[in-house]
C-alpha atoms as a PDB file:
ATOM      1  CA  MET A   1     113.932  92.186 191.813  1.00  0.00           C
ATOM      2  CA  GLU A   2     112.148  92.016 188.452  1.00  0.00           C
ATOM      3  CA  GLN A   3     112.603  95.148 186.377  1.00  0.00           C
ATOM      4  CA  GLU A   4     109.448  97.218 185.973  1.00  0.00           C
ATOM      5  CA  LYS A   5     108.011  96.906 182.494  1.00  0.00           C
ATOM      6  CA  HIS A   6     106.616  99.766 180.440  1.00  0.00           C
ATOM      7  CA  TYR A   7     104.450 100.007 177.357  1.00  0.00           C
ATOM      8  CA  ARG A   8     106.339 100.377 174.087  1.00  0.00           C
ATOM      9  CA  HIS A   9     105.224 101.847 170.784  1.00  0.00           C
ATOM     10  CA  GLU A  10     104.628  99.297 168.038  1.00  0.00           C
ATOM     11  CA  LEU A  11     104.110 100.261 164.398  1.00  0.00           C
ATOM     12  CA  LYS A  12     103.483  97.824 161.542  1.00  0.00           C
ATOM     13  CA  TYR A  13     103.795  98.224 157.784  1.00  0.00           C
ATOM     14  CA  ALA A  14     103.339  95.817 154.874  1.00  0.00           C
ATOM     15  CA  ILE A  15     106.082  96.559 152.350  1.00  0.00           C
ATOM     16  CA  PRO A  16     106.936  95.187 148.890  1.00  0.00           C
ATOM     17  CA  TYR A  17     110.105  93.162 148.567  1.00  0.00           C
ATOM     18  CA  ALA A  18     111.903  95.872 146.553  1.00  0.00           C
ATOM     19  CA  ASP A  19     111.300  98.438 149.309  1.00  0.00           C
ATOM     20  CA  TYR A  20     112.552  95.935 151.882  1.00  0.00           C
ATOM     21  CA  ILE A  21     115.847  95.532 150.019  1.00  0.00           C
ATOM     22  CA  ALA A  22     116.379  99.299 149.863  1.00  0.00           C
ATOM     23  CA  MET A  23     115.389  99.868 153.480  1.00  0.00           C
ATOM     24  CA  ARG A  24     117.545  97.010 154.751  1.00  0.00           C
ATOM     25  CA  GLY A  25     120.561  98.519 153.034  1.00  0.00           C
ATOM     26  CA  ARG A  26     120.026 101.827 154.812  1.00  0.00           C
ATOM     27  CA  LEU A  27     119.390 100.267 158.222  1.00  0.00           C
ATOM     28  CA  ARG A  28     122.503  98.092 158.071  1.00  0.00           C
ATOM     29  CA  ARG A  29     124.674 101.194 157.937  1.00  0.00           C
ATOM     30  CA  LEU A  30     123.320 102.409 161.274  1.00  0.00           C
ATOM     31  CA  MET A  31     121.696  99.596 163.233  1.00  0.00           C
ATOM     32  CA  THR A  32     123.150  96.283 164.407  1.00  0.00           C
ATOM     33  CA  LEU A  33     121.732  92.807 163.995  1.00  0.00           C
ATOM     34  CA  ASP A  34     120.184  91.180 167.029  1.00  0.00           C
ATOM     35  CA  PRO A  35     122.951  88.941 168.474  1.00  0.00           C
ATOM     36  CA  HIS A  36     120.572  85.959 168.641  1.00  0.00           C
ATOM     37  CA  THR A  37     120.357  85.586 164.855  1.00  0.00           C
ATOM     38  CA  ASP A  38     122.113  82.854 162.903  1.00  0.00           C
ATOM     39  CA  ALA A  39     124.888  83.318 160.354  1.00  0.00           C
ATOM     40  CA  SER A  40     122.394  84.605 157.780  1.00  0.00           C
ATOM     41  CA  GLY A  41     121.079  87.276 160.155  1.00  0.00           C
ATOM     42  CA  LEU A  42     117.730  85.539 160.651  1.00  0.00           C
ATOM     43  CA  TYR A  43     115.862  83.347 163.093  1.00  0.00           C
ATOM     44  CA  HIS A  44     112.723  81.268 162.821  1.00  0.00           C
ATOM     45  CA  ILE A  45     109.861  81.883 165.261  1.00  0.00           C
ATOM     46  CA  ARG A  46     106.976  79.573 166.074  1.00  0.00           C
ATOM     47  CA  SER A  47     104.168  80.739 168.357  1.00  0.00           C
ATOM     48  CA  ILE A  48     101.229  78.756 169.683  1.00  0.00           C
ATOM     49  CA  TYR A  49      98.353  81.193 170.263  1.00  0.00           C
ATOM     50  CA  PHE A  50      95.547  80.683 172.746  1.00  0.00           C
ATOM     51  CA  ASP A  51      91.908  81.698 172.329  1.00  0.00           C
ATOM     52  CA  ASN A  52      88.575  80.428 173.577  1.00  0.00           C
ATOM     53  CA  SER A  53      85.724  78.702 171.744  1.00  0.00           C
ATOM     54  CA  ASP A  54      84.068  82.107 171.193  1.00  0.00           C
ATOM     55  CA  ASP A  55      87.242  83.443 169.501  1.00  0.00           C
ATOM     56  CA  LYS A  56      87.492  86.279 172.015  1.00  0.00           C
ATOM     57  CA  ALA A  57      91.022  87.384 171.044  1.00  0.00           C
ATOM     58  CA  LEU A  58      90.277  87.133 167.320  1.00  0.00           C
ATOM     59  CA  LYS A  59      87.009  89.083 167.528  1.00  0.00           C
ATOM     60  CA  GLU A  60      88.593  91.820 169.644  1.00  0.00           C
ATOM     61  CA  LYS A  61      91.248  92.239 166.958  1.00  0.00           C
ATOM     62  CA  VAL A  62      88.758  92.270 164.075  1.00  0.00           C
ATOM     63  CA  ASP A  63      86.431  94.666 165.920  1.00  0.00           C
ATOM     64  CA  GLY A  64      89.272  97.046 166.683  1.00  0.00           C
ATOM     65  CA  VAL A  65      88.991  96.834 170.474  1.00  0.00           C
ATOM     66  CA  ALA A  66      91.595  99.281 171.769  1.00  0.00           C
ATOM     67  CA  LYS A  67      92.694  97.309 174.858  1.00  0.00           C
ATOM     68  CA  ARG A  68      93.245  93.584 174.501  1.00  0.00           C
ATOM     69  CA  GLU A  69      95.522  90.705 175.505  1.00  0.00           C
ATOM     70  CA  LYS A  70      96.794  87.470 173.981  1.00  0.00           C
ATOM     71  CA  PHE A  71      98.620  84.476 175.411  1.00  0.00           C
ATOM     72  CA  ARG A  72     101.103  82.500 173.367  1.00  0.00           C
ATOM     73  CA  ILE A  73     103.886  79.959 173.752  1.00  0.00           C
ATOM     74  CA  ARG A  74     106.961  80.748 171.657  1.00  0.00           C
ATOM     75  CA  TYR A  75     110.145  78.963 170.634  1.00  0.00           C
ATOM     76  CA  TYR A  76     112.927  79.729 168.174  1.00  0.00           C
ATOM     77  CA  ASN A  77     114.642  77.752 165.412  1.00  0.00           C
ATOM     78  CA  ASP A  78     112.758  74.610 166.493  1.00  0.00           C
ATOM     79  CA  ASP A  79     114.881  74.522 169.642  1.00  0.00           C
ATOM     80  CA  PHE A  80     112.735  73.090 172.456  1.00  0.00           C
ATOM     81  CA  SER A  81     115.378  73.816 175.112  1.00  0.00           C
ATOM     82  CA  PHE A  82     114.210  77.433 175.386  1.00  0.00           C
ATOM     83  CA  ILE A  83     110.432  77.930 175.377  1.00  0.00           C
ATOM     84  CA  THR A  84     108.586  80.939 176.767  1.00  0.00           C
ATOM     85  CA  LEU A  85     105.012  81.594 177.765  1.00  0.00           C
ATOM     86  CA  GLU A  86     104.095  85.170 176.859  1.00  0.00           C
ATOM     87  CA  LYS A  87     101.217  87.527 177.529  1.00  0.00           C
ATOM     88  CA  LYS A  88     101.000  90.494 175.188  1.00  0.00           C
ATOM     89  CA  LEU A  89      98.897  93.512 176.145  1.00  0.00           C
ATOM     90  CA  LYS A  90      97.969  96.147 173.570  1.00  0.00           C
ATOM     91  CA  ILE A  91      96.385  99.581 173.827  1.00  0.00           C
ATOM     92  CA  ASP A  92      96.129 100.950 170.289  1.00  0.00           C
ATOM     93  CA  ASN A  93      99.782 101.273 169.123  1.00  0.00           C
ATOM     94  CA  LEU A  94     101.252 100.608 172.568  1.00  0.00           C
ATOM     95  CA  CYS A  95     102.274  97.116 173.648  1.00  0.00           C
ATOM     96  CA  LEU A  96     103.542  95.439 176.791  1.00  0.00           C
ATOM     97  CA  LYS A  97     104.849  91.893 177.043  1.00  0.00           C
ATOM     98  CA  TYR A  98     105.292  89.601 180.042  1.00  0.00           C
ATOM     99  CA  ASP A  99     107.117  86.296 179.651  1.00  0.00           C
ATOM    100  CA  ALA A 100     108.052  83.240 181.664  1.00  0.00           C
ATOM    101  CA  ALA A 101     110.351  80.360 180.775  1.00  0.00           C
ATOM    102  CA  ILE A 102     108.751  76.912 180.718  1.00  0.00           C
ATOM    103  CA  THR A 103     110.243  73.515 179.993  1.00  0.00           C
ATOM    104  CA  GLU A 104     109.451  71.329 177.006  1.00  0.00           C
ATOM    105  CA  GLU A 105     107.720  68.870 179.342  1.00  0.00           C
ATOM    106  CA  GLU A 106     105.573  71.649 180.841  1.00  0.00           C
ATOM    107  CA  CYS A 107     104.714  72.902 177.372  1.00  0.00           C
ATOM    108  CA  ARG A 108     103.611  69.460 176.228  1.00  0.00           C
ATOM    109  CA  ARG A 109     101.491  69.041 179.358  1.00  0.00           C
ATOM    110  CA  ILE A 110      99.744  72.353 178.696  1.00  0.00           C
ATOM    111  CA  LEU A 111      99.080  71.394 175.072  1.00  0.00           C
ATOM    112  CA  ASN A 112      97.702  68.023 176.190  1.00  0.00           C
ATOM    113  CA  GLY A 113      95.372  69.582 178.766  1.00  0.00           C
ATOM    114  CA  ASP A 114      97.306  68.261 181.790  1.00  0.00           C
ATOM    115  CA  LEU A 115      97.009  71.509 183.738  1.00  0.00           C
ATOM    116  CA  ALA A 116      97.053  70.661 187.450  1.00  0.00           C
ATOM    117  CA  PHE A 117     100.777  71.424 187.847  1.00  0.00           C
ATOM    118  CA  MET A 118     100.167  75.019 186.754  1.00  0.00           C
ATOM    119  CA  LYS A 119      98.338  75.913 189.991  1.00  0.00           C
ATOM    120  CA  GLU A 120     101.538  75.708 192.052  1.00  0.00           C
ATOM    121  CA  HIS A 121     103.985  76.848 189.381  1.00  0.00           C
ATOM    122  CA  PRO A 122     106.705  79.297 190.546  1.00  0.00           C
ATOM    123  CA  GLN A 123     105.981  81.584 187.572  1.00  0.00           C
ATOM    124  CA  GLU A 124     102.973  83.843 188.169  1.00  0.00           C
ATOM    125  CA  LEU A 125     102.264  84.033 184.456  1.00  0.00           C
ATOM    126  CA  VAL A 126     101.778  80.260 184.316  1.00  0.00           C
ATOM    127  CA  LYS A 127      99.297  80.499 187.185  1.00  0.00           C
ATOM    128  CA  GLU A 128      97.451  83.280 185.360  1.00  0.00           C
ATOM    129  CA  LEU A 129      97.182  81.202 182.198  1.00  0.00           C
ATOM    130  CA  TYR A 130      95.896  78.290 184.284  1.00  0.00           C
ATOM    131  CA  ALA A 131      93.120  80.476 185.704  1.00  0.00           C
ATOM    132  CA  LYS A 132      92.151  81.819 182.294  1.00  0.00           C
ATOM    133  CA  MET A 133      92.184  78.364 180.720  1.00  0.00           C
ATOM    134  CA  HIS A 134      89.524  77.507 183.288  1.00  0.00           C
ATOM    135  CA  TYR A 135      87.456  80.690 183.567  1.00  0.00           C
ATOM    136  CA  GLN A 136      87.849  82.063 180.049  1.00  0.00           C
ATOM    137  CA  ARG A 137      88.166  78.585 178.464  1.00  0.00           C
ATOM    138  CA  LEU A 138      91.420  79.470 176.698  1.00  0.00           C
ATOM    139  CA  LYS A 139      93.044  76.680 174.728  1.00  0.00           C
ATOM    140  CA  PRO A 140      95.747  76.333 172.039  1.00  0.00           C
ATOM    141  CA  ARG A 141      94.180  77.368 168.728  1.00  0.00           C
ATOM    142  CA  VAL A 142      96.792  77.901 166.026  1.00  0.00           C
ATOM    143  CA  LEU A 143     100.493  77.693 165.242  1.00  0.00           C
ATOM    144  CA  VAL A 144     101.996  80.820 163.664  1.00  0.00           C
ATOM    145  CA  SER A 145     105.435  80.516 162.054  1.00  0.00           C
ATOM    146  CA  TYR A 146     107.606  83.094 160.342  1.00  0.00           C
ATOM    147  CA  VAL A 147     111.178  84.155 159.630  1.00  0.00           C
ATOM    148  CA  ARG A 148     112.461  87.342 161.318  1.00  0.00           C
ATOM    149  CA  GLU A 149     115.338  89.657 160.445  1.00  0.00           C
ATOM    150  CA  PRO A 150     115.855  91.927 163.501  1.00  0.00           C
ATOM    151  CA  TYR A 151     117.875  95.124 163.951  1.00  0.00           C
ATOM    152  CA  ILE A 152     118.474  97.104 167.146  1.00  0.00           C
ATOM    153  CA  TYR A 153     119.462 100.681 167.964  1.00  0.00           C
ATOM    154  CA  PRO A 154     120.238 101.749 171.547  1.00  0.00           C
ATOM    155  CA  ALA A 155     118.831 105.308 171.503  1.00  0.00           C
ATOM    156  CA  GLY A 156     115.102 104.975 172.218  1.00  0.00           C
ATOM    157  CA  ASN A 157     115.564 101.209 172.608  1.00  0.00           C
ATOM    158  CA  VAL A 158     114.535 100.808 168.969  1.00  0.00           C
ATOM    159  CA  ARG A 159     113.921  97.439 167.377  1.00  0.00           C
ATOM    160  CA  VAL A 160     113.192  97.164 163.647  1.00  0.00           C
ATOM    161  CA  THR A 161     112.236  93.762 162.266  1.00  0.00           C
ATOM    162  CA  PHE A 162     111.341  92.338 158.863  1.00  0.00           C
ATOM    163  CA  ASP A 163     109.048  89.315 159.026  1.00  0.00           C
ATOM    164  CA  SER A 164     108.406  87.021 156.084  1.00  0.00           C
ATOM    165  CA  GLN A 165     107.180  83.525 155.184  1.00  0.00           C
ATOM    166  CA  ILE A 166     104.219  83.750 157.585  1.00  0.00           C
ATOM    167  CA  ARG A 167     102.735  80.265 157.759  1.00  0.00           C
ATOM    168  CA  THR A 168     100.189  78.435 159.851  1.00  0.00           C
ATOM    169  CA  SER A 169      98.984  75.055 161.026  1.00  0.00           C
ATOM    170  CA  LEU A 170      95.745  74.386 162.884  1.00  0.00           C
ATOM    171  CA  PHE A 171      96.565  70.806 163.786  1.00  0.00           C
ATOM    172  CA  HIS A 172      97.295  70.173 167.457  1.00  0.00           C
ATOM    173  CA  ARG A 173      99.769  67.409 166.698  1.00  0.00           C
ATOM    174  CA  GLU A 174     101.977  69.920 164.840  1.00  0.00           C
ATOM    175  CA  PHE A 175     102.345  72.302 167.768  1.00  0.00           C
ATOM    176  CA  LEU A 176     105.675  71.004 169.079  1.00  0.00           C
ATOM    177  CA  THR A 177     107.247  68.889 166.382  1.00  0.00           C
ATOM    178  CA  GLU A 178     110.460  69.269 164.405  1.00  0.00           C
ATOM    179  CA  ARG A 179     108.694  68.678 161.075  1.00  0.00           C
ATOM    180  CA  VAL A 180     105.758  71.053 160.823  1.00  0.00           C
ATOM    181  CA  VAL A 181     103.258  70.710 157.976  1.00  0.00           C
ATOM    182  CA  ASP A 182     101.860  74.187 157.377  1.00  0.00           C
ATOM    183  CA  ILE A 183     100.592  76.548 154.681  1.00  0.00           C
ATOM    184  CA  SER A 184     101.142  80.194 153.761  1.00  0.00           C
ATOM    185  CA  ALA A 185      98.920  82.578 155.726  1.00  0.00           C
ATOM    186  CA  THR A 186      99.198  85.530 153.319  1.00  0.00           C
ATOM    187  CA  ASP A 187      98.050  86.120 149.751  1.00  0.00           C
ATOM    188  CA  THR A 188     101.410  87.637 148.779  1.00  0.00           C
ATOM    189  CA  PRO A 189     104.106  85.536 150.516  1.00  0.00           C
ATOM    190  CA  GLN A 190     106.894  87.546 148.875  1.00  0.00           C
ATOM    191  CA  ASP A 191     105.906  90.730 150.733  1.00  0.00           C
ATOM    192  CA  MET A 192     107.460  91.664 154.057  1.00  0.00           C
ATOM    193  CA  LEU A 193     105.988  92.871 157.324  1.00  0.00           C
ATOM    194  CA  LEU A 194     107.978  95.732 158.839  1.00  0.00           C
ATOM    195  CA  GLU A 195     107.608  96.243 162.599  1.00  0.00           C
ATOM    196  CA  VAL A 196     109.098  99.186 164.489  1.00  0.00           C
ATOM    197  CA  LYS A 197     109.159  99.094 168.302  1.00  0.00           C
ATOM    198  CA  TYR A 198     110.539 101.798 170.587  1.00  0.00           C
ATOM    199  CA  ASP A 199     110.165 103.279 174.055  1.00  0.00           C
ATOM    200  CA  ALA A 200     109.459 106.996 174.566  1.00  0.00           C
ATOM    201  CA  PHE A 201     110.750 108.286 171.227  1.00  0.00           C
ATOM    202  CA  LEU A 202     111.786 107.169 167.769  1.00  0.00           C
ATOM    203  CA  PRO A 203     115.045 108.881 166.737  1.00  0.00           C
ATOM    204  CA  GLU A 204     114.659 111.087 163.680  1.00  0.00           C
ATOM    205  CA  ILE A 205     117.435 109.263 161.853  1.00  0.00           C
ATOM    206  CA  ILE A 206     115.487 105.997 162.122  1.00  0.00           C
ATOM    207  CA  GLN A 207     112.277 107.728 161.033  1.00  0.00           C
ATOM    208  CA  ASP A 208     114.047 108.949 157.899  1.00  0.00           C
ATOM    209  CA  MET A 209     115.378 105.485 157.087  1.00  0.00           C
ATOM    210  CA  ILE A 210     111.990 103.754 157.206  1.00  0.00           C
ATOM    211  CA  GLN A 211     110.118 106.397 155.201  1.00  0.00           C
ATOM    212  CA  VAL A 212     108.944 104.947 151.884  1.00  0.00           C
ATOM    213  CA  PRO A 213     106.176 106.701 149.901  1.00  0.00           C
ATOM    214  CA  SER A 214     104.464 103.432 148.946  1.00  0.00           C
ATOM    215  CA  ILE A 215     103.914 102.085 152.472  1.00  0.00           C
ATOM    216  CA  ARG A 216     101.370 102.962 155.107  1.00  0.00           C
ATOM    217  CA  GLN A 217     100.930 101.965 158.713  1.00  0.00           C
ATOM    218  CA  GLN A 218      98.383  99.210 159.296  1.00  0.00           C
ATOM    219  CA  ALA A 219      97.012  97.064 162.093  1.00  0.00           C
ATOM    220  CA  PHE A 220      98.289  93.741 160.745  1.00  0.00           C
ATOM    221  CA  SER A 221      97.947  90.710 163.006  1.00  0.00           C
ATOM    222  CA  LYS A 222      99.821  87.487 162.260  1.00  0.00           C
ATOM    223  CA  TYR A 223      97.377  85.680 164.541  1.00  0.00           C
ATOM    224  CA  GLY A 224      94.420  87.134 162.649  1.00  0.00           C
ATOM    225  CA  ALA A 225      95.934  86.229 159.278  1.00  0.00           C
ATOM    226  CA  CYS A 226      96.548  82.666 160.377  1.00  0.00           C
ATOM    227  CA  ARG A 227      93.033  82.246 161.789  1.00  0.00           C
ATOM    228  CA  ARG A 228      91.502  82.790 158.342  1.00  0.00           C
ATOM    229  CA  PHE A 229      91.644  79.047 157.864  1.00  0.00           C
ATOM    230  CA  GLY A 230      89.732  78.008 160.979  1.00  0.00           C
END
């Protein structure tokens, strides 16, 4: 039986590189690296985001709509052997994610508009995307790439991540290739995006470690940043 999912808190902060170095040093004394990272403690994420011709997802983000959803296809370290379709739901600072594994062949068929197989797919999330690609006219819109440094802490199911090198490509042919031609999506590529996710509570010791006078919480969207170019 699939485990029931619950909304999690999600906080985002843009931080200067110097604050990242100091904060990382503190976190490493308490938290552990996500076991899926490479030898350098990082992994590379690429996500293909869906939206319709009216830019529904983008406009809801810009307009500050409290409750919204986005579909994306995600893979790591340019490894096409493990690809997931994800639906992310947000209500203010709460988020909920559903995911389903798809094959490289299925991913390429979706990107090419060959959708008939999705109607009878064993994963309900694939069927839902199929319906919304028809009735909401969703289609692949942009590729979002970045490097993530993730830390975990069991109490509160806390996950703290530093994201950097946020880049984008709008070209469909780049969506599932080993050599991606992309550009920086931020004006200050050296800065880091700090994300803090947790369940019911954020332990006080973690709160203390991420407190920096120069940072403030913000509603940063990688998808929104990457859609500046089209």
